[in-house]
Amino acid sequence: MAKIYVASSWRNVIQPLIVATLRRCGHKVYDFRNPMPGNNGFGWREVDPNWQNWTPQQYREGLQHPIAKAGYDLDKAALDDCDACVLVLPSGRSASWEFGYAIGAGKKGAVVMFESCEPELMYRESPILTTPDELMDWAGMPGLFSRGKAKARR
C-alpha cells in the first residue's frame, strides 16, 4: 500500500473516480475535496465570497488568512507524507505546483489524461495514463513504490 496524493481541480469531474480507483487498488489516497472526516476541503469562498474579484494585493493578503493557512498546511503535510502524486488533467495552477513539488522531492508520479489537453513538455518525466486500465495497471504494479523507478508507458 502506498500513500498517494491526487492533484487536480475542483472542476475536474473525474477526480473523485480517480481517488476511488486508487483506493480500490489498495492505496491510502489523499483527497483534497475530503482531506479528513468532517472537512470538505479548502475553498477561497470561505475566506471571502468576492475572492474572484481580488486585486493582486488582496490575493496576497488572502493567503495569510487563517483558513487559507490551515488549508495549505493540510495539503502540504499530505504532499510531504505521500509516496506518489497523481496529476489528474485538466487541472489548474495549484495542482501543477503540487505535482512539481512532489516530483522535485523525489516522489513517484503519473499524469492521468483521459481527454485531450494542451501538451506539456515537462510531463515527459512521468508516465501518461490515458485509460482507466492503464491507471489500474500503474497503481497495481507489485513493488511500484518499494523499488527504483517504475516501469512506465511512454
N, C-alpha and C. Protein backbone atom coordinates (compact mmCIF):
# COMPACT_ATOMS: atom_id res chain seq x y z
N MET A 1 0.85 -1.18 0.00
CA MET A 1 0.00 0.00 0.00
C MET A 1 0.89 1.24 0.00
N ALA A 2 0.59 2.15 -0.88
CA ALA A 2 1.31 3.41 -0.96
C ALA A 2 0.39 4.55 -0.55
N LYS A 3 0.99 5.66 -0.15
CA LYS A 3 0.24 6.88 0.12
C LYS A 3 0.33 7.74 -1.13
N ILE A 4 -0.83 8.02 -1.72
CA ILE A 4 -0.88 8.76 -2.98
C ILE A 4 -1.64 10.06 -2.80
N TYR A 5 -1.04 11.13 -3.28
CA TYR A 5 -1.67 12.45 -3.28
C TYR A 5 -2.25 12.66 -4.67
N VAL A 6 -3.54 12.93 -4.76
CA VAL A 6 -4.18 13.19 -6.04
C VAL A 6 -4.32 14.70 -6.20
N ALA A 7 -3.64 15.24 -7.21
CA ALA A 7 -3.67 16.67 -7.50
C ALA A 7 -4.56 16.90 -8.72
N SER A 8 -5.50 17.82 -8.59
CA SER A 8 -6.39 18.12 -9.70
C SER A 8 -7.12 19.43 -9.42
N SER A 9 -8.20 19.64 -10.13
CA SER A 9 -9.01 20.84 -9.99
C SER A 9 -10.35 20.49 -9.38
N TRP A 10 -10.92 21.45 -8.64
CA TRP A 10 -12.29 21.27 -8.14
C TRP A 10 -13.25 21.07 -9.30
N ARG A 11 -12.92 21.60 -10.47
CA ARG A 11 -13.82 21.50 -11.63
C ARG A 11 -13.67 20.18 -12.38
N ASN A 12 -12.68 19.38 -12.04
CA ASN A 12 -12.45 18.14 -12.76
C ASN A 12 -13.43 17.07 -12.27
N VAL A 13 -14.33 16.66 -13.15
CA VAL A 13 -15.40 15.73 -12.75
C VAL A 13 -14.92 14.30 -12.54
N ILE A 14 -13.75 13.93 -13.08
CA ILE A 14 -13.28 12.55 -12.88
C ILE A 14 -12.39 12.40 -11.65
N GLN A 15 -12.03 13.50 -11.00
CA GLN A 15 -11.15 13.41 -9.83
C GLN A 15 -11.69 12.43 -8.78
N PRO A 16 -12.97 12.47 -8.41
CA PRO A 16 -13.46 11.50 -7.42
C PRO A 16 -13.35 10.05 -7.89
N LEU A 17 -13.50 9.82 -9.19
CA LEU A 17 -13.36 8.46 -9.72
C LEU A 17 -11.92 7.98 -9.64
N ILE A 18 -10.97 8.87 -9.86
CA ILE A 18 -9.56 8.51 -9.75
C ILE A 18 -9.23 8.16 -8.30
N VAL A 19 -9.70 8.96 -7.37
CA VAL A 19 -9.48 8.69 -5.94
C VAL A 19 -10.05 7.31 -5.59
N ALA A 20 -11.29 7.03 -6.01
CA ALA A 20 -11.92 5.75 -5.71
C ALA A 20 -11.16 4.58 -6.35
N THR A 21 -10.70 4.75 -7.58
CA THR A 21 -9.96 3.69 -8.27
C THR A 21 -8.66 3.37 -7.52
N LEU A 22 -7.93 4.39 -7.15
CA LEU A 22 -6.67 4.17 -6.43
C LEU A 22 -6.91 3.51 -5.07
N ARG A 23 -7.99 3.87 -4.43
CA ARG A 23 -8.33 3.23 -3.15
C ARG A 23 -8.69 1.76 -3.36
N ARG A 24 -9.41 1.47 -4.45
CA ARG A 24 -9.75 0.07 -4.76
C ARG A 24 -8.50 -0.76 -5.03
N CYS A 25 -7.44 -0.10 -5.49
CA CYS A 25 -6.17 -0.79 -5.73
C CYS A 25 -5.39 -0.99 -4.42
N GLY A 26 -5.97 -0.54 -3.31
CA GLY A 26 -5.38 -0.79 -2.01
C GLY A 26 -4.51 0.32 -1.45
N HIS A 27 -4.54 1.50 -2.06
CA HIS A 27 -3.68 2.59 -1.61
C HIS A 27 -4.42 3.54 -0.66
N LYS A 28 -3.64 4.21 0.18
CA LYS A 28 -4.17 5.28 1.02
C LYS A 28 -4.07 6.55 0.17
N VAL A 29 -5.22 7.16 -0.10
CA VAL A 29 -5.26 8.27 -1.05
C VAL A 29 -5.73 9.55 -0.37
N TYR A 30 -4.93 10.62 -0.56
CA TYR A 30 -5.31 11.93 -0.05
C TYR A 30 -6.22 12.61 -1.08
N ASP A 31 -7.39 13.00 -0.62
CA ASP A 31 -8.39 13.64 -1.47
C ASP A 31 -8.61 15.07 -0.95
N PHE A 32 -8.13 16.05 -1.71
CA PHE A 32 -8.24 17.44 -1.26
C PHE A 32 -9.68 17.88 -1.07
N ARG A 33 -10.64 17.18 -1.70
CA ARG A 33 -12.05 17.54 -1.53
C ARG A 33 -12.59 17.08 -0.18
N ASN A 34 -11.98 16.04 0.36
CA ASN A 34 -12.37 15.47 1.65
C ASN A 34 -11.11 15.00 2.37
N PRO A 35 -10.28 15.94 2.82
CA PRO A 35 -8.99 15.54 3.37
C PRO A 35 -9.05 14.78 4.69
N MET A 36 -10.12 14.97 5.44
CA MET A 36 -10.30 14.24 6.70
C MET A 36 -11.78 14.28 7.06
N PRO A 37 -12.22 13.37 7.90
CA PRO A 37 -13.64 13.36 8.27
C PRO A 37 -14.12 14.72 8.76
N GLY A 38 -15.24 15.16 8.21
CA GLY A 38 -15.82 16.44 8.60
C GLY A 38 -15.20 17.65 7.93
N ASN A 39 -14.22 17.44 7.06
CA ASN A 39 -13.56 18.55 6.37
C ASN A 39 -13.80 18.39 4.87
N ASN A 40 -14.47 19.37 4.27
CA ASN A 40 -14.78 19.31 2.84
C ASN A 40 -13.78 20.06 1.98
N GLY A 41 -12.56 20.21 2.48
CA GLY A 41 -11.50 20.83 1.70
C GLY A 41 -11.57 22.35 1.72
N PHE A 42 -10.45 22.94 1.35
CA PHE A 42 -10.34 24.39 1.33
C PHE A 42 -11.01 24.98 0.11
N GLY A 43 -11.70 26.10 0.30
CA GLY A 43 -12.28 26.87 -0.79
C GLY A 43 -12.11 28.35 -0.51
N TRP A 44 -11.71 29.09 -1.52
CA TRP A 44 -11.49 30.54 -1.34
C TRP A 44 -12.74 31.26 -0.85
N ARG A 45 -13.91 30.74 -1.19
CA ARG A 45 -15.16 31.39 -0.77
C ARG A 45 -15.27 31.46 0.75
N GLU A 46 -14.55 30.56 1.46
CA GLU A 46 -14.55 30.60 2.92
C GLU A 46 -13.76 31.81 3.45
N VAL A 47 -12.82 32.27 2.67
CA VAL A 47 -12.01 33.43 3.05
C VAL A 47 -12.75 34.72 2.71
N ASP A 48 -13.35 34.74 1.50
CA ASP A 48 -14.06 35.93 1.03
C ASP A 48 -14.97 35.53 -0.12
N PRO A 49 -16.29 35.74 0.00
CA PRO A 49 -17.19 35.38 -1.09
C PRO A 49 -16.87 36.12 -2.40
N ASN A 50 -16.15 37.22 -2.33
CA ASN A 50 -15.80 38.01 -3.50
C ASN A 50 -14.38 37.70 -4.00
N TRP A 51 -13.85 36.55 -3.66
CA TRP A 51 -12.45 36.22 -3.96
C TRP A 51 -12.11 36.28 -5.45
N GLN A 52 -13.06 36.04 -6.32
CA GLN A 52 -12.77 36.04 -7.76
C GLN A 52 -12.50 37.44 -8.31
N ASN A 53 -12.81 38.46 -7.54
CA ASN A 53 -12.58 39.84 -7.97
C ASN A 53 -11.42 40.51 -7.23
N TRP A 54 -10.62 39.74 -6.55
CA TRP A 54 -9.50 40.29 -5.79
C TRP A 54 -8.46 40.96 -6.67
N THR A 55 -7.85 41.97 -6.12
CA THR A 55 -6.65 42.56 -6.72
C THR A 55 -5.46 41.69 -6.32
N PRO A 56 -4.32 41.86 -6.95
CA PRO A 56 -3.14 41.11 -6.51
C PRO A 56 -2.81 41.31 -5.03
N GLN A 57 -3.01 42.51 -4.53
CA GLN A 57 -2.73 42.79 -3.12
C GLN A 57 -3.71 42.03 -2.21
N GLN A 58 -4.99 41.99 -2.61
CA GLN A 58 -5.97 41.24 -1.82
C GLN A 58 -5.66 39.74 -1.83
N TYR A 59 -5.18 39.25 -2.96
CA TYR A 59 -4.79 37.84 -3.05
C TYR A 59 -3.64 37.56 -2.07
N ARG A 60 -2.64 38.41 -2.08
CA ARG A 60 -1.50 38.24 -1.17
C ARG A 60 -1.99 38.22 0.28
N GLU A 61 -2.89 39.12 0.61
CA GLU A 61 -3.44 39.16 1.97
C GLU A 61 -4.30 37.93 2.26
N GLY A 62 -5.06 37.49 1.28
CA GLY A 62 -5.91 36.31 1.45
C GLY A 62 -5.12 35.05 1.78
N LEU A 63 -3.91 34.95 1.24
CA LEU A 63 -3.06 33.79 1.54
C LEU A 63 -2.68 33.72 3.01
N GLN A 64 -2.76 34.85 3.72
CA GLN A 64 -2.41 34.90 5.14
C GLN A 64 -3.61 34.64 6.06
N HIS A 65 -4.79 34.53 5.50
CA HIS A 65 -6.00 34.28 6.29
C HIS A 65 -5.85 32.92 7.01
N PRO A 66 -6.31 32.81 8.24
CA PRO A 66 -6.18 31.54 8.97
C PRO A 66 -6.79 30.34 8.25
N ILE A 67 -7.88 30.53 7.53
CA ILE A 67 -8.49 29.41 6.80
C ILE A 67 -7.59 28.99 5.64
N ALA A 68 -7.01 29.95 4.94
CA ALA A 68 -6.09 29.63 3.85
C ALA A 68 -4.84 28.94 4.39
N LYS A 69 -4.31 29.42 5.50
CA LYS A 69 -3.13 28.80 6.11
C LYS A 69 -3.43 27.36 6.50
N ALA A 70 -4.58 27.12 7.11
CA ALA A 70 -4.95 25.77 7.54
C ALA A 70 -5.10 24.83 6.33
N GLY A 71 -5.73 25.32 5.26
CA GLY A 71 -5.87 24.51 4.05
C GLY A 71 -4.53 24.17 3.43
N TYR A 72 -3.65 25.18 3.36
CA TYR A 72 -2.31 24.96 2.82
C TYR A 72 -1.54 23.95 3.67
N ASP A 73 -1.58 24.13 4.98
CA ASP A 73 -0.84 23.25 5.87
C ASP A 73 -1.30 21.80 5.74
N LEU A 74 -2.60 21.58 5.61
CA LEU A 74 -3.14 20.23 5.46
C LEU A 74 -2.67 19.60 4.15
N ASP A 75 -2.81 20.33 3.05
CA ASP A 75 -2.39 19.81 1.74
C ASP A 75 -0.87 19.59 1.70
N LYS A 76 -0.11 20.54 2.22
CA LYS A 76 1.36 20.44 2.18
C LYS A 76 1.85 19.26 3.01
N ALA A 77 1.23 19.03 4.17
CA ALA A 77 1.62 17.88 5.00
C ALA A 77 1.36 16.57 4.26
N ALA A 78 0.23 16.50 3.56
CA ALA A 78 -0.08 15.29 2.80
C ALA A 78 0.90 15.11 1.64
N LEU A 79 1.30 16.20 1.00
CA LEU A 79 2.31 16.13 -0.06
C LEU A 79 3.64 15.63 0.49
N ASP A 80 4.05 16.16 1.62
CA ASP A 80 5.32 15.75 2.22
C ASP A 80 5.29 14.28 2.64
N ASP A 81 4.13 13.79 3.02
CA ASP A 81 3.98 12.43 3.52
C ASP A 81 3.74 11.38 2.43
N CYS A 82 3.37 11.80 1.24
CA CYS A 82 2.99 10.83 0.20
C CYS A 82 4.20 10.12 -0.40
N ASP A 83 3.92 8.95 -0.99
CA ASP A 83 4.92 8.20 -1.74
C ASP A 83 4.88 8.56 -3.22
N ALA A 84 3.70 9.00 -3.66
CA ALA A 84 3.49 9.30 -5.07
C ALA A 84 2.43 10.38 -5.22
N CYS A 85 2.48 11.06 -6.37
CA CYS A 85 1.50 12.09 -6.70
C CYS A 85 0.93 11.77 -8.08
N VAL A 86 -0.38 11.81 -8.18
CA VAL A 86 -1.06 11.60 -9.45
C VAL A 86 -1.73 12.92 -9.83
N LEU A 87 -1.33 13.45 -10.98
CA LEU A 87 -1.92 14.68 -11.51
C LEU A 87 -3.05 14.29 -12.45
N VAL A 88 -4.27 14.73 -12.15
CA VAL A 88 -5.43 14.40 -12.98
C VAL A 88 -5.78 15.64 -13.80
N LEU A 89 -5.62 15.49 -15.11
CA LEU A 89 -5.90 16.60 -16.03
C LEU A 89 -7.33 16.56 -16.53
N PRO A 90 -7.92 17.71 -16.88
CA PRO A 90 -7.34 19.04 -16.78
C PRO A 90 -7.29 19.50 -15.33
N SER A 91 -6.29 20.33 -15.05
CA SER A 91 -6.12 20.84 -13.69
C SER A 91 -5.71 22.30 -13.76
N GLY A 92 -5.52 22.86 -12.60
CA GLY A 92 -5.15 24.27 -12.53
C GLY A 92 -3.73 24.46 -12.03
N ARG A 93 -3.44 25.69 -11.67
CA ARG A 93 -2.08 26.05 -11.25
C ARG A 93 -1.67 25.37 -9.95
N SER A 94 -2.56 25.29 -8.98
CA SER A 94 -2.19 24.66 -7.71
C SER A 94 -1.83 23.20 -7.91
N ALA A 95 -2.60 22.49 -8.69
CA ALA A 95 -2.31 21.07 -8.93
C ALA A 95 -0.97 20.91 -9.65
N SER A 96 -0.67 21.78 -10.58
CA SER A 96 0.62 21.73 -11.27
C SER A 96 1.75 21.98 -10.29
N TRP A 97 1.56 22.94 -9.39
CA TRP A 97 2.57 23.22 -8.37
C TRP A 97 2.75 21.99 -7.48
N GLU A 98 1.64 21.38 -7.04
CA GLU A 98 1.71 20.21 -6.17
C GLU A 98 2.46 19.07 -6.85
N PHE A 99 2.14 18.82 -8.10
CA PHE A 99 2.79 17.74 -8.83
C PHE A 99 4.29 18.01 -8.97
N GLY A 100 4.64 19.22 -9.36
CA GLY A 100 6.05 19.58 -9.50
C GLY A 100 6.79 19.48 -8.18
N TYR A 101 6.15 19.91 -7.10
CA TYR A 101 6.76 19.82 -5.78
C TYR A 101 7.05 18.36 -5.42
N ALA A 102 6.07 17.49 -5.65
CA ALA A 102 6.23 16.08 -5.32
C ALA A 102 7.35 15.43 -6.15
N ILE A 103 7.35 15.69 -7.44
CA ILE A 103 8.38 15.12 -8.31
C ILE A 103 9.75 15.66 -7.89
N GLY A 104 9.84 16.96 -7.61
CA GLY A 104 11.09 17.55 -7.16
C GLY A 104 11.59 16.98 -5.84
N ALA A 105 10.66 16.48 -5.02
CA ALA A 105 11.02 15.87 -3.74
C ALA A 105 11.37 14.40 -3.90
N GLY A 106 11.38 13.91 -5.14
CA GLY A 106 11.76 12.52 -5.39
C GLY A 106 10.64 11.51 -5.30
N LYS A 107 9.40 11.98 -5.27
CA LYS A 107 8.25 11.07 -5.21
C LYS A 107 7.97 10.49 -6.60
N LYS A 108 7.31 9.36 -6.64
CA LYS A 108 6.85 8.80 -7.91
C LYS A 108 5.72 9.69 -8.42
N GLY A 109 5.47 9.65 -9.72
CA GLY A 109 4.39 10.46 -10.27
C GLY A 109 3.80 9.84 -11.51
N ALA A 110 2.58 10.21 -11.77
CA ALA A 110 1.90 9.81 -13.00
C ALA A 110 0.90 10.90 -13.36
N VAL A 111 0.67 11.04 -14.65
CA VAL A 111 -0.28 12.03 -15.16
C VAL A 111 -1.45 11.27 -15.77
N VAL A 112 -2.66 11.54 -15.28
CA VAL A 112 -3.87 10.94 -15.83
C VAL A 112 -4.45 11.92 -16.83
N MET A 113 -4.56 11.47 -18.07
CA MET A 113 -5.06 12.32 -19.16
C MET A 113 -6.03 11.49 -20.00
N PHE A 114 -7.28 11.47 -19.60
CA PHE A 114 -8.29 10.69 -20.31
C PHE A 114 -8.91 11.44 -21.48
N GLU A 115 -8.67 12.75 -21.55
CA GLU A 115 -9.18 13.54 -22.68
C GLU A 115 -8.05 14.43 -23.18
N SER A 116 -8.20 14.95 -24.36
CA SER A 116 -7.16 15.81 -24.93
C SER A 116 -6.97 17.05 -24.09
N CYS A 117 -5.70 17.38 -23.85
CA CYS A 117 -5.32 18.58 -23.12
C CYS A 117 -4.14 19.20 -23.85
N GLU A 118 -3.88 20.45 -23.53
CA GLU A 118 -2.71 21.11 -24.10
C GLU A 118 -1.46 20.35 -23.67
N PRO A 119 -0.58 20.01 -24.61
CA PRO A 119 0.64 19.27 -24.25
C PRO A 119 1.54 20.08 -23.32
N GLU A 120 2.24 19.38 -22.47
CA GLU A 120 3.19 19.99 -21.53
C GLU A 120 4.47 19.19 -21.58
N LEU A 121 5.55 19.79 -21.98
CA LEU A 121 6.84 19.11 -22.18
C LEU A 121 7.35 18.43 -20.91
N MET A 122 7.20 19.07 -19.76
CA MET A 122 7.80 18.55 -18.54
C MET A 122 7.09 17.31 -18.00
N TYR A 123 5.94 16.96 -18.52
CA TYR A 123 5.29 15.71 -18.11
C TYR A 123 6.04 14.50 -18.65
N ARG A 124 7.04 14.74 -19.50
CA ARG A 124 7.82 13.66 -20.09
C ARG A 124 8.46 12.78 -19.02
N GLU A 125 8.71 13.31 -17.87
CA GLU A 125 9.37 12.57 -16.79
C GLU A 125 8.46 11.55 -16.10
N SER A 126 7.18 11.58 -16.37
CA SER A 126 6.23 10.71 -15.69
C SER A 126 5.38 9.96 -16.70
N PRO A 127 4.89 8.79 -16.32
CA PRO A 127 4.00 8.08 -17.23
C PRO A 127 2.71 8.87 -17.46
N ILE A 128 2.24 8.83 -18.69
CA ILE A 128 0.96 9.45 -19.05
C ILE A 128 -0.05 8.31 -19.16
N LEU A 129 -1.01 8.30 -18.28
CA LEU A 129 -2.02 7.24 -18.23
C LEU A 129 -3.26 7.72 -18.95
N THR A 130 -3.64 7.05 -20.02
CA THR A 130 -4.71 7.55 -20.89
C THR A 130 -6.01 6.77 -20.81
N THR A 131 -6.03 5.70 -20.02
CA THR A 131 -7.25 4.92 -19.86
C THR A 131 -7.36 4.45 -18.41
N PRO A 132 -8.56 4.10 -17.96
CA PRO A 132 -8.69 3.54 -16.61
C PRO A 132 -7.85 2.27 -16.43
N ASP A 133 -7.75 1.45 -17.46
CA ASP A 133 -6.94 0.24 -17.35
C ASP A 133 -5.47 0.57 -17.11
N GLU A 134 -4.95 1.59 -17.80
CA GLU A 134 -3.56 1.99 -17.56
C GLU A 134 -3.37 2.50 -16.14
N LEU A 135 -4.35 3.24 -15.63
CA LEU A 135 -4.27 3.72 -14.25
C LEU A 135 -4.22 2.55 -13.29
N MET A 136 -5.09 1.58 -13.49
CA MET A 136 -5.12 0.42 -12.59
C MET A 136 -3.85 -0.41 -12.72
N ASP A 137 -3.32 -0.56 -13.92
CA ASP A 137 -2.04 -1.26 -14.09
C ASP A 137 -0.94 -0.54 -13.33
N TRP A 138 -0.88 0.79 -13.48
CA TRP A 138 0.14 1.58 -12.79
C TRP A 138 -0.01 1.46 -11.28
N ALA A 139 -1.22 1.58 -10.79
CA ALA A 139 -1.47 1.56 -9.35
C ALA A 139 -1.34 0.17 -8.76
N GLY A 140 -1.52 -0.85 -9.58
CA GLY A 140 -1.50 -2.21 -9.07
C GLY A 140 -0.19 -2.95 -9.29
N MET A 141 0.78 -2.28 -9.91
CA MET A 141 2.06 -2.93 -10.17
C MET A 141 2.73 -3.36 -8.87
N PRO A 142 3.04 -4.63 -8.71
CA PRO A 142 3.74 -5.06 -7.49
C PRO A 142 5.07 -4.34 -7.35
N GLY A 143 5.33 -3.82 -6.17
CA GLY A 143 6.60 -3.19 -5.89
C GLY A 143 6.77 -1.80 -6.49
N LEU A 144 5.73 -1.25 -7.05
CA LEU A 144 5.84 0.05 -7.73
C LEU A 144 6.47 1.10 -6.84
N PHE A 145 6.11 1.11 -5.57
CA PHE A 145 6.58 2.16 -4.69
C PHE A 145 7.71 1.70 -3.76
N SER A 146 8.17 0.48 -3.92
CA SER A 146 9.18 -0.01 -2.99
C SER A 146 10.54 -0.23 -3.62
N ARG A 147 10.66 -0.07 -4.93
CA ARG A 147 11.97 -0.22 -5.54
C ARG A 147 12.18 0.88 -6.54
N GLY A 148 13.33 0.98 -7.15
CA GLY A 148 13.72 2.01 -8.11
C GLY A 148 12.60 2.61 -8.93
N LYS A 149 12.93 3.07 -10.09
CA LYS A 149 11.94 3.72 -10.97
C LYS A 149 10.90 2.72 -11.46
N ALA A 150 9.67 3.18 -11.52
CA ALA A 150 8.58 2.35 -12.04
C ALA A 150 8.71 2.22 -13.54
N LYS A 151 8.30 1.07 -14.02
CA LYS A 151 8.20 0.92 -15.48
C LYS A 151 7.00 1.72 -15.92
N ALA A 152 7.13 2.42 -16.99
CA ALA A 152 6.04 3.30 -17.42
C ALA A 152 5.85 3.23 -18.91
N ARG A 153 4.63 3.39 -19.30
CA ARG A 153 4.33 3.51 -20.73
C ARG A 153 4.66 4.93 -21.14
N ARG A 154 5.29 5.08 -22.24
CA ARG A 154 5.62 6.43 -22.74
C ARG A 154 4.91 6.63 -24.04
